[in-house]
Amino acid sequence: MSGPICTRRVGGIFEVTIDRPKANAIDLETSRLMGDIFRDFRDDPDLRVAIITGAGEKFFSAGWDLKAAAAGDAVDGDYGIGGFGGLQELRDLNKPVIAAVNGICCGGGLEIALSADLILAANHATFALPEIRSGTVADAASIKLPKRIPYHIAMDMLLTGRWLDAEEASRWGFVNELHPAERLMPRAWELAHLLENGPPLVYAAIKEIVREAEAMNFQTALNKITKRQFATVDVLYSSEDQLEGARAFAEKRDPVWKGK
């Protein structure tokens, strides 16, 4: 698939590339398209893991397309399934997503990266929330970022719009790995292959537990797990894969995951 969003699938890996020169900014049409794409990824049983990145080496994504907004693309418009960029509010996305940040990652682009489960970045990548300078709020980042990195660093980014280089982003912990530009996508695919061969039902349970437990105290969340009150946990504990994992361990062999 080509256009503002390019997609590629190899086995169980699904690569999504934002391709809107010059800045890979996202307007309403592109956001809605991304929502459809990630919904289809979520619902396709043959796809196990996604990679999201930007075209070129300068921009991952500059986020919301301010030029489109100035021309009447309403900021509070219908962003489509999954909200802005298709990831932030997509319900029941229980598969791993890797963000491969290949350059400038700011505003809504940073919010999309924060919606991934793992973030890899090129050494030249930079990060910022410049919404303060255009008189608006980085809504999703205001919720997520203070929970991901130290509060005062998050507030510094939100209140001043200052830029972080890749090394500082890694130091504060919202980037998993840094790589030379030429190694970024090969490494993202290495990691995707690792996840592709992992247990999909366990991944689903992990993602649902992490997502839902955020609003619970520890004991409540643990009780819901042990009582199989999370749908993904109930499926996992009744699955062939659960038995396969135990058998493979006892037989000292690699398990063969079927996702059922």
Protein backbone atom coordinates (compact mmCIF):
# COMPACT_ATOMS: atom_id res chain seq x y z
CA MET A 1 0.00 0.00 0.00
CA SER A 2 1.31 3.45 -0.94
CA GLY A 3 0.17 7.03 -0.39
CA PRO A 4 0.42 9.17 2.75
CA ILE A 5 0.72 5.89 4.67
CA CYS A 6 2.78 3.06 3.19
CA THR A 7 2.40 -0.46 4.55
CA ARG A 8 4.35 -3.67 4.15
CA ARG A 9 3.75 -7.09 5.63
CA VAL A 10 6.27 -9.90 5.88
CA GLY A 11 4.99 -12.97 7.66
CA GLY A 12 3.47 -11.78 10.91
CA ILE A 13 5.21 -8.38 10.84
CA PHE A 14 3.38 -5.26 9.66
CA GLU A 15 5.38 -2.12 8.84
CA VAL A 16 3.57 1.25 8.71
CA THR A 17 5.40 4.28 7.29
CA ILE A 18 4.11 7.85 7.48
CA ASP A 19 5.03 9.41 4.12
CA ARG A 20 3.79 13.01 3.86
CA PRO A 21 6.69 15.25 2.84
CA LYS A 22 8.16 17.46 4.12
CA ALA A 23 7.44 16.79 7.78
CA ASN A 24 5.26 13.65 7.80
CA ALA A 25 2.57 15.78 9.43
CA ILE A 26 -0.85 14.23 9.88
CA ASP A 27 -4.14 15.78 8.73
CA LEU A 28 -7.63 14.43 9.35
CA GLU A 29 -7.68 12.25 6.25
CA THR A 30 -4.34 10.68 7.12
CA SER A 31 -5.35 10.13 10.74
CA ARG A 32 -8.52 8.35 9.65
CA LEU A 33 -6.51 6.20 7.25
CA MET A 34 -4.10 5.28 10.04
CA GLY A 35 -7.03 4.29 12.22
CA ASP A 36 -8.34 1.94 9.54
CA ILE A 37 -4.86 0.48 9.04
CA PHE A 38 -4.23 -0.21 12.72
CA ARG A 39 -7.75 -1.59 13.19
CA ASP A 40 -7.05 -4.07 10.39
CA PHE A 41 -3.72 -4.94 12.02
CA ARG A 42 -5.48 -5.53 15.34
CA ASP A 43 -8.12 -7.76 13.77
CA ASP A 44 -5.88 -9.84 11.49
CA PRO A 45 -4.96 -13.07 13.32
CA ASP A 46 -1.97 -13.62 11.04
CA LEU A 47 -0.28 -10.35 12.05
CA ARG A 48 1.68 -10.47 15.30
CA VAL A 49 3.63 -7.20 15.62
CA ALA A 50 3.71 -3.74 14.00
CA ILE A 51 6.49 -1.25 13.32
CA ILE A 52 5.63 2.42 12.83
CA THR A 53 8.18 4.82 11.36
CA GLY A 54 8.50 7.87 9.12
CA ALA A 55 9.72 8.17 5.55
CA GLY A 56 13.13 9.73 5.00
CA GLU A 57 15.75 10.51 7.62
CA LYS A 58 14.65 13.94 8.84
CA PHE A 59 11.16 13.44 10.29
CA PHE A 60 9.42 10.67 12.15
CA SER A 61 6.40 12.97 12.33
CA ALA A 62 5.81 16.60 13.16
CA GLY A 63 2.38 15.62 14.45
CA TRP A 64 -0.73 17.61 13.65
CA ASP A 65 -0.67 19.33 10.25
CA LEU A 66 -0.97 22.99 11.28
CA LYS A 67 -1.16 24.13 7.65
CA ALA A 68 -4.20 21.92 7.15
CA ALA A 69 -5.65 23.21 10.41
CA ALA A 70 -5.16 26.81 9.26
CA ALA A 71 -7.03 25.93 6.07
CA GLY A 72 -10.00 24.64 8.05
CA ASP A 73 -9.07 21.08 9.04
CA ALA A 74 -10.75 21.26 12.45
CA VAL A 75 -8.52 20.45 15.42
CA ASP A 76 -11.49 18.88 17.20
CA GLY A 77 -12.59 16.97 14.11
CA ASP A 78 -13.19 13.26 13.71
CA TYR A 79 -9.72 11.74 13.81
CA GLY A 80 -11.12 8.30 12.98
CA ILE A 81 -10.87 4.92 14.65
CA GLY A 82 -8.23 4.99 17.36
CA GLY A 83 -8.14 8.77 17.66
CA PHE A 84 -5.25 10.88 16.36
CA GLY A 85 -2.82 8.74 14.38
CA GLY A 86 -4.91 5.61 14.81
CA LEU A 87 -3.08 4.28 17.87
CA GLN A 88 -3.80 6.42 20.90
CA GLU A 89 -7.39 5.35 21.54
CA LEU A 90 -7.66 2.12 19.58
CA ARG A 91 -9.53 -0.29 21.81
CA ASP A 92 -8.22 -3.79 22.51
CA LEU A 93 -4.97 -3.41 20.60
CA ASN A 94 -3.34 -6.40 22.26
CA LYS A 95 -0.38 -6.85 19.93
CA PRO A 96 3.11 -5.32 20.33
CA VAL A 97 3.89 -2.10 18.45
CA ILE A 98 7.43 -0.79 17.89
CA ALA A 99 8.09 2.86 17.07
CA ALA A 100 11.26 3.37 15.01
CA VAL A 101 11.93 7.10 15.40
CA ASN A 102 14.05 8.12 12.43
CA GLY A 103 14.26 11.89 13.01
CA ILE A 104 12.25 14.79 14.41
CA CYS A 105 9.47 13.49 16.64
CA CYS A 106 7.35 16.29 18.02
CA GLY A 107 3.83 17.19 19.04
CA GLY A 108 1.38 14.57 17.89
CA GLY A 109 4.28 12.61 16.43
CA LEU A 110 5.69 12.16 19.92
CA GLU A 111 2.23 11.20 21.17
CA ILE A 112 2.07 8.47 18.51
CA ALA A 113 5.50 7.18 19.55
CA LEU A 114 4.35 7.16 23.18
CA SER A 115 1.43 4.96 22.10
CA ALA A 116 3.86 2.24 21.01
CA ASP A 117 5.14 -0.41 23.40
CA LEU A 118 8.82 -0.04 22.50
CA ILE A 119 10.62 3.00 21.10
CA LEU A 120 13.85 2.74 19.12
CA ALA A 121 15.48 5.95 17.92
CA ALA A 122 18.19 7.03 15.53
CA ASN A 123 21.06 8.89 17.16
CA HIS A 124 20.04 12.10 15.39
CA ALA A 125 16.39 11.96 16.50
CA THR A 126 14.97 14.88 18.52
CA PHE A 127 11.86 15.15 20.63
CA ALA A 128 9.60 18.02 21.72
CA LEU A 129 6.07 19.09 22.61
CA PRO A 130 5.90 22.54 20.99
CA GLU A 131 2.10 22.91 21.32
CA ILE A 132 2.58 25.58 23.99
CA ARG A 133 3.96 27.87 21.27
CA SER A 134 0.89 27.50 19.07
CA GLY A 135 -1.58 28.12 21.88
CA THR A 136 -2.87 24.61 22.35
CA VAL A 137 -2.35 21.65 24.66
CA ALA A 138 -0.58 18.38 23.98
CA ASP A 139 -3.52 16.47 25.36
CA ALA A 140 -2.40 12.84 25.19
CA ALA A 141 1.18 13.73 26.16
CA SER A 142 -0.08 15.68 29.18
CA ILE A 143 -1.65 12.44 30.41
CA LYS A 144 1.04 9.97 29.41
CA LEU A 145 4.41 11.67 29.69
CA PRO A 146 4.43 12.45 33.46
CA LYS A 147 3.79 8.72 34.02
CA ARG A 148 6.67 7.66 31.77
CA ILE A 149 9.51 9.97 32.80
CA PRO A 150 10.29 12.10 35.87
CA TYR A 151 7.50 14.60 36.53
CA HIS A 152 9.68 17.69 36.39
CA ILE A 153 11.22 16.71 33.04
CA ALA A 154 7.77 16.05 31.59
CA MET A 155 6.51 19.39 32.85
CA ASP A 156 9.57 21.13 31.44
CA MET A 157 8.76 19.71 28.00
CA LEU A 158 5.06 20.56 28.28
CA LEU A 159 5.47 24.08 29.72
CA THR A 160 8.43 25.30 27.67
CA GLY A 161 8.33 23.20 24.50
CA ARG A 162 12.08 22.60 24.73
CA TRP A 163 13.77 19.99 22.58
CA LEU A 164 15.49 16.84 23.82
CA ASP A 165 18.14 15.07 21.79
CA ALA A 166 18.10 11.30 21.51
CA GLU A 167 20.66 10.79 24.26
CA GLU A 168 18.65 12.79 26.79
CA ALA A 169 15.43 11.04 25.77
CA SER A 170 17.15 7.72 26.37
CA ARG A 171 18.55 8.92 29.69
CA TRP A 172 15.06 9.78 30.94
CA GLY A 173 13.79 6.40 29.85
CA PHE A 174 11.23 6.94 27.15
CA VAL A 175 13.50 5.54 24.43
CA ASN A 176 14.56 1.91 24.69
CA GLU A 177 17.52 1.91 22.31
CA LEU A 178 19.59 4.33 20.23
CA HIS A 179 21.18 3.35 16.91
CA PRO A 180 23.01 4.92 13.98
CA ALA A 181 20.49 5.86 11.30
CA GLU A 182 21.49 2.98 9.05
CA ARG A 183 20.92 0.46 11.85
CA LEU A 184 17.54 1.72 13.02
CA MET A 185 15.22 -0.23 10.73
CA PRO A 186 17.33 -3.43 10.68
CA ARG A 187 17.22 -3.40 14.47
CA ALA A 188 13.47 -2.70 14.49
CA TRP A 189 12.97 -5.72 12.25
CA GLU A 190 15.25 -7.88 14.41
CA LEU A 191 13.11 -7.01 17.41
CA ALA A 192 9.91 -7.54 15.42
CA HIS A 193 11.07 -11.03 14.39
CA LEU A 194 11.74 -11.83 18.05
CA LEU A 195 8.24 -10.73 19.00
CA GLU A 196 6.69 -12.43 15.98
CA ASN A 197 7.97 -15.76 17.28
CA GLY A 198 6.72 -15.16 20.81
CA PRO A 199 3.43 -16.26 22.43
CA PRO A 200 0.65 -14.01 21.07
CA LEU A 201 -1.85 -14.92 23.79
CA VAL A 202 0.66 -13.95 26.47
CA TYR A 203 1.34 -10.65 24.70
CA ALA A 204 -2.39 -9.96 24.61
CA ALA A 205 -2.74 -10.68 28.32
CA ILE A 206 0.25 -8.48 29.17
CA LYS A 207 -1.12 -5.56 27.17
CA GLU A 208 -4.62 -5.81 28.64
CA ILE A 209 -3.32 -6.14 32.20
CA VAL A 210 -0.94 -3.18 31.85
CA ARG A 211 -3.64 -1.04 30.24
CA GLU A 212 -6.44 -1.83 32.67
CA ALA A 213 -4.33 -1.99 35.84
CA GLU A 214 -3.25 1.63 35.40
CA ALA A 215 -6.52 2.77 37.00
CA MET A 216 -6.56 0.07 39.73
CA ASN A 217 -4.71 -0.54 42.95
CA PHE A 218 -2.35 -3.51 43.05
CA GLN A 219 -4.60 -5.96 44.91
CA THR A 220 -7.64 -5.25 42.75
CA ALA A 221 -5.65 -5.82 39.58
CA LEU A 222 -4.03 -8.99 40.94
CA ASN A 223 -7.40 -10.38 42.01
CA LYS A 224 -8.78 -9.80 38.52
CA ILE A 225 -5.85 -11.76 37.08
CA THR A 226 -6.09 -14.70 39.46
CA LYS A 227 -9.89 -14.86 39.04
CA ARG A 228 -9.50 -14.72 35.24
CA GLN A 229 -11.62 -11.59 35.00
CA PHE A 230 -9.52 -10.15 32.18
CA ALA A 231 -10.79 -11.60 28.88
CA THR A 232 -7.29 -12.19 27.52
CA VAL A 233 -6.15 -13.93 30.71
CA ASP A 234 -9.16 -16.23 30.63
CA VAL A 235 -8.41 -17.15 27.00
CA LEU A 236 -4.73 -17.72 27.80
CA TYR A 237 -5.37 -19.97 30.81
CA SER A 238 -7.70 -22.16 28.73
CA SER A 239 -5.51 -22.29 25.65
CA GLU A 240 -3.48 -24.90 23.81
CA ASP A 241 -0.54 -22.50 24.01
CA GLN A 242 -0.61 -22.62 27.82
CA LEU A 243 -0.20 -26.39 27.68
CA GLU A 244 2.38 -26.15 24.91
CA GLY A 245 4.53 -23.84 27.01
CA ALA A 246 4.60 -26.30 29.89
CA ARG A 247 5.25 -29.28 27.63
CA ALA A 248 8.06 -27.52 25.76
CA PHE A 249 9.73 -26.62 29.04
CA ALA A 250 9.47 -30.19 30.33
CA GLU A 251 10.74 -31.59 27.03
CA LYS A 252 13.57 -29.02 26.81
CA ARG A 253 12.55 -27.78 23.35
CA ASP A 254 11.36 -24.53 21.82
CA PRO A 255 7.59 -24.08 22.05
CA VAL A 256 5.44 -23.84 18.94
CA TRP A 257 2.87 -21.09 19.50
CA LYS A 258 -0.45 -21.32 17.65
CA GLY A 259 -2.24 -18.38 19.21
CA LYS A 260 -5.08 -20.57 20.40
